[in-house]
Amino acid sequence: MKITTLILVFTTGFSTIVSGQEKKENVKVPLAVEKAFQKNYPNTKAKWEKEAGKYEAGFKQNGKKMSVLYSETGMMEESEIEIPINQLPASVAQYTAQHKLGKIKEAAKITKADGAVLYEAEVKSGDALFDAKGNFVTIQKD
């Protein structure tokens, strides 16, 4: 049992490092980031992750999963909110079917700090991103 657990811990950590997607959960958040988050989302508890020098707060609001991304100085860079799949632009489903990306598992609306909107459709190969009109932008592999 101990050997199995050790192997699991080792392989999980190793695959995270190899993939280049290392995320550190429950990190120490700079005061500027914490203040900015509490200003926008008072009395909200979040689970924090750090990736590539940015801080991401994951939390629920009104029963929906949300996340907000901040720079080290506390500038909000984007927010993301879970939406029902049927709220994606119609062209998103058409694109994913036409390009055989698979069934859409989850959907989100991303709003950048400048107000630009992107839609995210989680498919088997990663997160497909679309602009506000539903035009394909890119796919982020898992």
Protein backbone atom coordinates (compact mmCIF):
# COMPACT_ATOMS: atom_id res chain seq x y z
CA MET A 1 0.00 0.00 0.00
CA LYS A 2 2.78 2.43 0.92
CA ILE A 3 4.64 1.64 -2.30
CA THR A 4 1.51 2.21 -4.39
CA THR A 5 0.92 5.57 -2.70
CA LEU A 6 4.55 6.58 -3.18
CA ILE A 7 4.44 5.65 -6.86
CA LEU A 8 1.20 7.58 -7.33
CA VAL A 9 2.64 10.69 -5.64
CA PHE A 10 5.86 10.46 -7.64
CA THR A 11 4.19 9.96 -11.03
CA THR A 12 1.64 12.69 -10.43
CA GLY A 13 4.30 15.21 -9.48
CA PHE A 14 6.58 14.09 -12.30
CA SER A 15 3.87 14.37 -14.96
CA THR A 16 3.00 17.86 -13.71
CA ILE A 17 6.59 19.01 -14.05
CA VAL A 18 7.10 17.33 -17.43
CA SER A 19 3.94 18.86 -18.89
CA GLY A 20 5.13 22.37 -18.10
CA GLN A 21 1.74 23.10 -16.57
CA GLU A 22 2.95 23.23 -12.99
CA LYS A 23 0.29 24.82 -10.82
CA LYS A 24 0.85 25.46 -7.19
CA GLU A 25 -2.33 25.34 -5.13
CA ASN A 26 -2.96 27.24 -1.90
CA VAL A 27 0.00 29.52 -2.44
CA LYS A 28 0.85 32.62 -0.44
CA VAL A 29 -1.03 35.40 -2.18
CA PRO A 30 0.50 38.91 -2.26
CA LEU A 31 -1.37 41.50 -0.20
CA ALA A 32 -2.15 43.58 -3.32
CA VAL A 33 -3.81 40.57 -4.96
CA GLU A 34 -5.80 39.69 -1.83
CA LYS A 35 -6.99 43.30 -1.44
CA ALA A 36 -8.06 43.51 -5.08
CA PHE A 37 -9.95 40.23 -4.81
CA GLN A 38 -11.73 41.25 -1.58
CA LYS A 39 -12.65 44.62 -3.10
CA ASN A 40 -14.35 42.90 -6.05
CA TYR A 41 -15.67 39.87 -4.18
CA PRO A 42 -16.14 40.84 -0.51
CA ASN A 43 -16.36 38.03 2.05
CA THR A 44 -15.64 35.40 -0.59
CA LYS A 45 -13.35 32.48 0.11
CA ALA A 46 -11.25 31.26 -2.78
CA LYS A 47 -8.85 28.49 -3.59
CA TRP A 48 -5.69 30.07 -4.96
CA GLU A 49 -3.34 28.71 -7.59
CA LYS A 50 -0.21 30.23 -9.09
CA GLU A 51 0.87 29.69 -12.66
CA ALA A 52 3.46 31.60 -14.66
CA GLY A 53 3.62 34.43 -12.13
CA LYS A 54 -0.17 34.98 -12.08
CA TYR A 55 -2.62 34.30 -9.26
CA GLU A 56 -5.93 32.58 -9.92
CA ALA A 57 -8.78 32.58 -7.42
CA GLY A 58 -11.32 29.81 -7.89
CA PHE A 59 -14.66 30.11 -6.09
CA LYS A 60 -18.42 29.78 -6.40
CA GLN A 61 -20.79 32.70 -6.72
CA ASN A 62 -24.55 32.27 -6.98
CA GLY A 63 -23.99 28.53 -7.43
CA LYS A 64 -21.72 28.94 -10.46
CA LYS A 65 -18.01 28.16 -10.66
CA MET A 66 -15.91 31.26 -11.22
CA SER A 67 -12.27 32.18 -11.40
CA VAL A 68 -10.41 35.47 -11.53
CA LEU A 69 -6.82 35.93 -12.69
CA TYR A 70 -4.58 38.63 -11.20
CA SER A 71 -1.08 39.89 -11.90
CA GLU A 72 1.41 40.01 -9.00
CA THR A 73 0.52 43.68 -8.50
CA GLY A 74 -3.19 42.98 -8.05
CA MET A 75 -4.39 44.00 -11.51
CA MET A 76 -7.30 41.83 -12.60
CA GLU A 77 -6.51 40.33 -16.00
CA GLU A 78 -9.62 38.25 -16.61
CA SER A 79 -12.63 36.63 -15.03
CA GLU A 80 -14.28 33.38 -16.02
CA ILE A 81 -17.77 32.17 -15.19
CA GLU A 82 -19.33 28.80 -15.89
CA ILE A 83 -22.30 29.00 -18.26
CA PRO A 84 -24.74 26.40 -19.57
CA ILE A 85 -23.54 24.88 -22.86
CA ASN A 86 -26.65 26.17 -24.64
CA GLN A 87 -25.53 29.75 -23.90
CA LEU A 88 -22.50 29.40 -26.18
CA PRO A 89 -22.88 31.05 -29.59
CA ALA A 90 -24.48 28.55 -32.02
CA SER A 91 -21.38 28.54 -34.21
CA VAL A 92 -19.33 27.00 -31.36
CA ALA A 93 -21.29 23.73 -31.47
CA GLN A 94 -21.16 23.76 -35.27
CA TYR A 95 -17.36 24.22 -35.24
CA THR A 96 -16.70 21.51 -32.65
CA ALA A 97 -18.89 19.03 -34.58
CA GLN A 98 -17.43 19.92 -37.99
CA HIS A 99 -13.83 19.60 -36.73
CA LYS A 100 -14.59 16.45 -34.70
CA LEU A 101 -13.45 17.93 -31.40
CA GLY A 102 -15.94 15.82 -29.49
CA LYS A 103 -18.83 16.60 -27.21
CA ILE A 104 -18.66 19.86 -25.25
CA LYS A 105 -18.35 18.89 -21.57
CA GLU A 106 -18.41 22.35 -19.95
CA ALA A 107 -18.64 25.95 -21.08
CA ALA A 108 -17.46 29.29 -19.72
CA LYS A 109 -17.53 32.96 -20.56
CA ILE A 110 -14.20 34.76 -20.14
CA THR A 111 -14.09 38.53 -19.81
CA LYS A 112 -10.68 40.17 -20.21
CA ALA A 113 -9.74 43.32 -18.27
CA ASP A 114 -10.31 45.42 -21.41
CA GLY A 115 -13.86 44.05 -21.75
CA ALA A 116 -13.12 41.61 -24.58
CA VAL A 117 -15.16 38.42 -24.32
CA LEU A 118 -14.10 34.89 -25.15
CA TYR A 119 -16.07 31.67 -24.86
CA GLU A 120 -14.46 28.45 -23.71
CA ALA A 121 -15.74 25.01 -24.66
CA GLU A 122 -14.13 22.07 -22.88
CA VAL A 123 -13.74 19.20 -25.34
CA LYS A 124 -11.79 15.93 -25.24
CA SER A 125 -8.55 17.49 -26.53
CA GLY A 126 -8.55 20.63 -24.36
CA ASP A 127 -10.24 23.99 -24.09
CA ALA A 128 -11.42 25.45 -27.39
CA LEU A 129 -11.59 29.26 -27.29
CA PHE A 130 -13.93 31.35 -29.43
CA ASP A 131 -14.38 35.12 -29.78
CA ALA A 132 -17.58 36.94 -28.79
CA LYS A 133 -19.15 36.14 -32.18
CA GLY A 134 -18.35 32.44 -31.90
CA ASN A 135 -15.37 32.40 -34.27
CA PHE A 136 -12.66 29.85 -33.40
CA VAL A 137 -9.51 31.39 -31.85
CA THR A 138 -7.36 28.51 -30.53
CA ILE A 139 -7.35 25.31 -28.55
CA GLN A 140 -5.43 25.01 -25.31
CA LYS A 141 -4.31 21.43 -24.81
CA ASP A 142 -4.71 19.91 -21.36
